[in-house]
Amino acid sequence: MESSDKKYGVAVALSGVFGLLGIHHFYLGRFFHGLVDLSLTLTGVYFLMGEQEILGWGILAVDYIHTVVVMIMLLIGVYKDSQGKIVTYPGQKIN
């Protein structure tokens, strides 16, 4: 396995601040995942503004859970960028 050229701190910060919008996926070159996260957030907000609030909260809950899982994977150093390289934390050794 190889280490990604992408910065760990930037990826974690983007995930923590803009996680529901998927900005960290765009930074890591995972554009499809970024679009899915962004569309989930926009769809959830759309339903919240309409008459289907339960569906909106459900969609946002799914997006939130996905964001937490990705954040944990980033924090423990197992998440990969678009090239299949691991986004390593400082001092992490790749086998």
C-alpha atoms as a PDB file:
ATOM      1  CA  MET A   1       0.000   0.000   0.000  1.00  0.00           C
ATOM      2  CA  GLU A   2       1.065   3.557  -0.642  1.00  0.00           C
ATOM      3  CA  SER A   3       0.487   6.736   1.308  1.00  0.00           C
ATOM      4  CA  SER A   4      -1.685   9.434  -0.268  1.00  0.00           C
ATOM      5  CA  ASP A   5      -0.300  12.814  -1.264  1.00  0.00           C
ATOM      6  CA  LYS A   6      -3.386  14.422   0.293  1.00  0.00           C
ATOM      7  CA  LYS A   7      -2.905  16.050   3.689  1.00  0.00           C
ATOM      8  CA  TYR A   8      -4.414  14.197   6.653  1.00  0.00           C
ATOM      9  CA  GLY A   9      -5.193  17.375   8.604  1.00  0.00           C
ATOM     10  CA  VAL A  10      -7.001  18.981   5.694  1.00  0.00           C
ATOM     11  CA  ALA A  11      -9.080  15.850   5.030  1.00  0.00           C
ATOM     12  CA  VAL A  12     -10.060  15.504   8.711  1.00  0.00           C
ATOM     13  CA  ALA A  13     -10.864  19.217   9.057  1.00  0.00           C
ATOM     14  CA  LEU A  14     -13.012  19.213   5.915  1.00  0.00           C
ATOM     15  CA  SER A  15     -14.807  16.100   7.105  1.00  0.00           C
ATOM     16  CA  GLY A  16     -15.467  17.624  10.509  1.00  0.00           C
ATOM     17  CA  VAL A  17     -16.660  21.005   9.273  1.00  0.00           C
ATOM     18  CA  PHE A  18     -18.278  20.212   5.927  1.00  0.00           C
ATOM     19  CA  GLY A  19     -18.884  16.472   6.318  1.00  0.00           C
ATOM     20  CA  LEU A  20     -22.561  16.457   5.432  1.00  0.00           C
ATOM     21  CA  LEU A  21     -21.801  18.314   2.213  1.00  0.00           C
ATOM     22  CA  GLY A  22     -19.089  15.841   1.180  1.00  0.00           C
ATOM     23  CA  ILE A  23     -16.382  18.456   0.645  1.00  0.00           C
ATOM     24  CA  HIS A  24     -13.741  16.059   2.017  1.00  0.00           C
ATOM     25  CA  HIS A  25     -14.626  13.555  -0.724  1.00  0.00           C
ATOM     26  CA  PHE A  26     -14.046  16.197  -3.390  1.00  0.00           C
ATOM     27  CA  TYR A  27     -10.683  17.056  -1.792  1.00  0.00           C
ATOM     28  CA  LEU A  28      -9.671  13.382  -1.881  1.00  0.00           C
ATOM     29  CA  GLY A  29     -10.730  13.056  -5.524  1.00  0.00           C
ATOM     30  CA  ARG A  30     -13.738  10.851  -4.746  1.00  0.00           C
ATOM     31  CA  PHE A  31     -16.171  12.939  -6.773  1.00  0.00           C
ATOM     32  CA  PHE A  32     -18.992  10.375  -6.916  1.00  0.00           C
ATOM     33  CA  HIS A  33     -19.016  10.051  -3.117  1.00  0.00           C
ATOM     34  CA  GLY A  34     -18.958  13.822  -2.830  1.00  0.00           C
ATOM     35  CA  LEU A  35     -21.942  14.160  -5.139  1.00  0.00           C
ATOM     36  CA  VAL A  36     -23.843  11.503  -3.185  1.00  0.00           C
ATOM     37  CA  ASP A  37     -23.179  13.298   0.129  1.00  0.00           C
ATOM     38  CA  LEU A  38     -24.111  16.665  -1.330  1.00  0.00           C
ATOM     39  CA  SER A  39     -27.300  15.323  -2.924  1.00  0.00           C
ATOM     40  CA  LEU A  40     -28.333  13.571   0.310  1.00  0.00           C
ATOM     41  CA  THR A  41     -27.970  16.825   2.230  1.00  0.00           C
ATOM     42  CA  LEU A  42     -29.843  18.879  -0.354  1.00  0.00           C
ATOM     43  CA  THR A  43     -32.603  16.275  -0.642  1.00  0.00           C
ATOM     44  CA  GLY A  44     -32.966  16.064   3.134  1.00  0.00           C
ATOM     45  CA  VAL A  45     -33.220  19.837   3.454  1.00  0.00           C
ATOM     46  CA  TYR A  46     -35.715  19.951   0.577  1.00  0.00           C
ATOM     47  CA  PHE A  47     -37.993  17.449   2.328  1.00  0.00           C
ATOM     48  CA  LEU A  48     -37.608  19.288   5.641  1.00  0.00           C
ATOM     49  CA  MET A  49     -38.850  22.471   3.995  1.00  0.00           C
ATOM     50  CA  GLY A  50     -41.823  20.622   2.526  1.00  0.00           C
ATOM     51  CA  GLU A  51     -44.452  18.527   4.207  1.00  0.00           C
ATOM     52  CA  GLN A  52     -42.392  15.350   4.570  1.00  0.00           C
ATOM     53  CA  GLU A  53     -40.250  16.242   7.559  1.00  0.00           C
ATOM     54  CA  ILE A  54     -39.810  12.652   8.736  1.00  0.00           C
ATOM     55  CA  LEU A  55     -38.333  11.655   5.374  1.00  0.00           C
ATOM     56  CA  GLY A  56     -36.051  14.710   5.463  1.00  0.00           C
ATOM     57  CA  TRP A  57     -34.754  13.865   8.939  1.00  0.00           C
ATOM     58  CA  GLY A  58     -34.265  10.250   7.878  1.00  0.00           C
ATOM     59  CA  ILE A  59     -32.197  11.228   4.853  1.00  0.00           C
ATOM     60  CA  LEU A  60     -30.086  13.617   6.924  1.00  0.00           C
ATOM     61  CA  ALA A  61     -29.602  10.886   9.558  1.00  0.00           C
ATOM     62  CA  VAL A  62     -28.259   8.504   6.901  1.00  0.00           C
ATOM     63  CA  ASP A  63     -25.902  11.208   5.639  1.00  0.00           C
ATOM     64  CA  TYR A  64     -24.766  11.978   9.209  1.00  0.00           C
ATOM     65  CA  ILE A  65     -24.050   8.301   9.979  1.00  0.00           C
ATOM     66  CA  HIS A  66     -22.069   7.993   6.736  1.00  0.00           C
ATOM     67  CA  THR A  67     -20.077  11.110   7.636  1.00  0.00           C
ATOM     68  CA  VAL A  68     -19.259   9.747  11.108  1.00  0.00           C
ATOM     69  CA  VAL A  69     -18.085   6.424   9.647  1.00  0.00           C
ATOM     70  CA  VAL A  70     -15.846   8.188   7.119  1.00  0.00           C
ATOM     71  CA  MET A  71     -14.478  10.477   9.845  1.00  0.00           C
ATOM     72  CA  ILE A  72     -13.587   7.480  12.021  1.00  0.00           C
ATOM     73  CA  MET A  73     -11.901   5.780   9.059  1.00  0.00           C
ATOM     74  CA  LEU A  74      -9.889   8.944   8.415  1.00  0.00           C
ATOM     75  CA  LEU A  75      -8.916   9.274  12.082  1.00  0.00           C
ATOM     76  CA  ILE A  76      -7.642   5.692  12.341  1.00  0.00           C
ATOM     77  CA  GLY A  77      -5.797   5.902   9.019  1.00  0.00           C
ATOM     78  CA  VAL A  78      -7.657   3.414   6.822  1.00  0.00           C
ATOM     79  CA  TYR A  79      -9.544   5.707   4.417  1.00  0.00           C
ATOM     80  CA  LYS A  80      -8.318   5.820   0.817  1.00  0.00           C
ATOM     81  CA  ASP A  81      -8.244   8.588  -1.745  1.00  0.00           C
ATOM     82  CA  SER A  82      -9.398   8.235  -5.358  1.00  0.00           C
ATOM     83  CA  GLN A  83      -6.139   6.522  -6.345  1.00  0.00           C
ATOM     84  CA  GLY A  84      -6.503   3.835  -3.677  1.00  0.00           C
ATOM     85  CA  LYS A  85      -3.777   5.315  -1.494  1.00  0.00           C
ATOM     86  CA  ILE A  86      -4.323   5.543   2.254  1.00  0.00           C
ATOM     87  CA  VAL A  87      -4.679   9.003   3.808  1.00  0.00           C
ATOM     88  CA  THR A  88      -2.175   8.454   6.610  1.00  0.00           C
ATOM     89  CA  TYR A  89      -2.011  10.266   9.915  1.00  0.00           C
ATOM     90  CA  PRO A  90       1.351  11.763  10.938  1.00  0.00           C
ATOM     91  CA  GLY A  91       3.774   8.987  11.870  1.00  0.00           C
ATOM     92  CA  GLN A  92       1.629   6.174  10.475  1.00  0.00           C
ATOM     93  CA  LYS A  93       3.578   3.354   8.865  1.00  0.00           C
ATOM     94  CA  ILE A  94       2.163   1.507   5.866  1.00  0.00           C
ATOM     95  CA  ASN A  95       2.734  -2.246   5.675  1.00  0.00           C
END
